[in-house]
Amino acid sequence: MKKLILIAVLLVSLLSVAAVPVSQAFSFGDVFKVGGIGFLINKFSTPLNNFINTLTFKHGAGSDYATKVVPIVSAGNKGYIGAAQVTGSQELVDKTEAVLQLEGNFNSSTFRVKALLPIDSTNPINFSRVQGVGVSAIIDIRI
């Protein structure tokens, strides 16, 4: 079990390195932070999902659709990682492995845009978008 956890943390760390621009400073401490965050997302995805569903139902905004918490992999200007809750039909939610965050500036940097796309892989380079699934919550992780 320990070997499996170590392999998972290393895999998330290596995949996250691909999302960091070459010009950005990067250290082994960053790799361990990203790997640790990935481990936390995997460990707490079900309790986080249940908490979000309870929170939304409490405020009259619940949903009858399936939900799941998945990691956010980022491409574009920065290399962050976090988590998001996705919602849709059970079949499509089951296909969703991550949310890809793309960032860009619009109108000479007047607007900063973040596109959140449910995808079928945690690899931000080789993936397919999962049509019919939406992002219903963003989970920020303090590091």
Protein backbone atom coordinates (compact mmCIF):
# COMPACT_ATOMS: atom_id res chain seq x y z
CA MET A 1 0.00 0.00 0.00
CA LYS A 2 2.85 2.40 0.86
CA LYS A 3 4.47 1.71 -2.52
CA LEU A 4 1.19 2.48 -4.30
CA ILE A 5 0.82 5.79 -2.43
CA LEU A 6 4.44 6.73 -3.19
CA ILE A 7 3.97 5.89 -6.88
CA ALA A 8 0.76 7.97 -6.99
CA VAL A 9 2.46 10.97 -5.37
CA LEU A 10 5.42 10.73 -7.75
CA LEU A 11 3.12 10.35 -10.78
CA VAL A 12 1.11 13.43 -9.84
CA SER A 13 4.36 15.31 -9.25
CA LEU A 14 5.78 14.35 -12.62
CA LEU A 15 2.55 15.19 -14.45
CA SER A 16 2.44 18.54 -12.72
CA VAL A 17 5.93 19.39 -13.93
CA ALA A 18 4.56 19.35 -17.50
CA ALA A 19 2.11 22.14 -16.57
CA VAL A 20 4.83 24.54 -15.36
CA PRO A 21 6.16 26.97 -17.97
CA VAL A 22 9.86 26.71 -18.72
CA SER A 23 10.48 30.33 -17.74
CA GLN A 24 9.05 29.83 -14.24
CA ALA A 25 11.47 29.04 -11.42
CA PHE A 26 10.91 25.50 -10.14
CA SER A 27 12.35 23.58 -7.22
CA PHE A 28 12.05 20.14 -5.68
CA GLY A 29 10.05 21.77 -2.88
CA ASP A 30 7.44 22.69 -5.50
CA VAL A 31 7.33 19.07 -6.69
CA PHE A 32 6.68 17.84 -3.16
CA LYS A 33 3.99 20.51 -2.58
CA VAL A 34 2.21 19.57 -5.79
CA GLY A 35 2.53 15.86 -5.04
CA GLY A 36 1.27 16.40 -1.50
CA ILE A 37 -1.70 18.40 -2.74
CA GLY A 38 -2.50 15.67 -5.26
CA PHE A 39 -2.38 13.11 -2.47
CA LEU A 40 -4.71 15.26 -0.31
CA ILE A 41 -7.19 15.66 -3.17
CA ASN A 42 -7.31 11.91 -3.70
CA LYS A 43 -7.64 11.21 0.02
CA PHE A 44 -10.37 13.80 0.71
CA SER A 45 -12.28 13.80 -2.59
CA THR A 46 -15.32 11.90 -1.23
CA PRO A 47 -15.66 13.91 2.03
CA LEU A 48 -15.17 17.16 0.06
CA ASN A 49 -17.81 16.09 -2.46
CA ASN A 50 -20.26 15.23 0.34
CA PHE A 51 -19.57 18.57 2.08
CA ILE A 52 -20.21 20.56 -1.12
CA ASN A 53 -23.44 18.65 -1.78
CA THR A 54 -24.63 19.28 1.80
CA LEU A 55 -23.67 22.96 1.53
CA THR A 56 -25.57 23.48 -1.72
CA PHE A 57 -28.67 21.57 -0.54
CA LYS A 58 -28.68 23.58 2.69
CA HIS A 59 -28.91 26.79 0.67
CA GLY A 60 -31.57 25.49 -1.74
CA ALA A 61 -29.15 25.04 -4.64
CA GLY A 62 -28.77 21.25 -4.65
CA SER A 63 -28.70 19.13 -7.79
CA ASP A 64 -30.09 15.77 -8.85
CA TYR A 65 -27.05 15.13 -11.04
CA ALA A 66 -24.02 13.03 -10.12
CA THR A 67 -21.03 14.86 -8.62
CA LYS A 68 -17.36 14.10 -8.05
CA VAL A 69 -14.27 15.99 -6.83
CA VAL A 70 -11.28 15.83 -9.19
CA PRO A 71 -7.90 17.61 -9.36
CA ILE A 72 -7.36 20.78 -11.38
CA VAL A 73 -4.36 20.67 -13.68
CA SER A 74 -3.29 24.04 -14.98
CA ALA A 75 -1.78 25.10 -18.27
CA GLY A 76 -1.06 28.59 -19.53
CA ASN A 77 0.48 31.37 -17.47
CA LYS A 78 1.04 29.50 -14.20
CA GLY A 79 1.38 25.94 -12.91
CA TYR A 80 -1.10 25.62 -10.05
CA ILE A 81 -2.99 22.58 -8.81
CA GLY A 82 -6.23 22.47 -6.86
CA ALA A 83 -9.57 20.65 -6.97
CA ALA A 84 -13.01 21.09 -8.46
CA GLN A 85 -16.38 19.43 -8.15
CA VAL A 86 -17.85 18.36 -11.49
CA THR A 87 -21.52 17.57 -12.12
CA GLY A 88 -23.44 15.78 -14.86
CA SER A 89 -24.83 12.36 -15.71
CA GLN A 90 -23.26 9.50 -13.75
CA GLU A 91 -21.69 8.02 -16.89
CA LEU A 92 -19.99 11.28 -17.89
CA VAL A 93 -18.90 12.16 -14.35
CA ASP A 94 -17.29 8.72 -14.08
CA LYS A 95 -15.27 9.48 -17.25
CA THR A 96 -14.01 12.78 -15.84
CA GLU A 97 -10.53 12.48 -14.28
CA ALA A 98 -9.56 16.15 -13.90
CA VAL A 99 -10.42 19.73 -14.75
CA LEU A 100 -8.01 21.55 -17.05
CA GLN A 101 -7.54 25.23 -16.24
CA LEU A 102 -6.46 27.42 -19.13
CA GLU A 103 -5.52 31.06 -18.49
CA GLY A 104 -5.19 33.99 -20.81
CA ASN A 105 -5.44 37.77 -21.00
CA PHE A 106 -8.14 39.50 -23.03
CA ASN A 107 -8.17 43.07 -24.31
CA SER A 108 -4.59 44.04 -23.50
CA SER A 109 -4.65 42.43 -20.05
CA THR A 110 -7.81 44.26 -18.95
CA PHE A 111 -9.47 40.91 -18.29
CA ARG A 112 -7.88 37.75 -16.95
CA VAL A 113 -9.76 34.68 -18.18
CA LYS A 114 -9.71 31.19 -16.66
CA ALA A 115 -11.42 28.46 -18.66
CA LEU A 116 -12.27 25.31 -16.68
CA LEU A 117 -12.70 22.21 -18.85
CA PRO A 118 -13.62 18.74 -17.54
CA ILE A 119 -11.23 16.23 -19.15
CA ASP A 120 -10.77 12.46 -19.24
CA SER A 121 -7.13 12.44 -18.06
CA THR A 122 -4.86 14.05 -15.49
CA ASN A 123 -2.34 14.67 -18.27
CA PRO A 124 -2.71 18.30 -19.45
CA ILE A 125 -1.08 17.42 -22.79
CA ASN A 126 -2.95 14.27 -23.84
CA PHE A 127 -6.67 14.46 -23.02
CA SER A 128 -10.19 14.71 -24.41
CA ARG A 129 -12.79 17.16 -23.15
CA VAL A 130 -15.79 15.51 -21.47
CA GLN A 131 -18.82 17.19 -23.05
CA GLY A 132 -21.95 17.40 -20.86
CA VAL A 133 -20.09 17.83 -17.55
CA GLY A 134 -19.87 21.15 -15.75
CA VAL A 135 -17.78 22.55 -12.91
CA SER A 136 -19.99 23.24 -9.88
CA ALA A 137 -17.38 24.14 -7.24
CA ILE A 138 -13.74 25.12 -6.87
CA ILE A 139 -11.73 23.96 -3.86
CA ASP A 140 -8.73 26.08 -2.89
CA ILE A 141 -5.96 24.34 -0.96
CA ARG A 142 -3.79 26.38 1.38
CA ILE A 143 -0.09 25.48 1.15
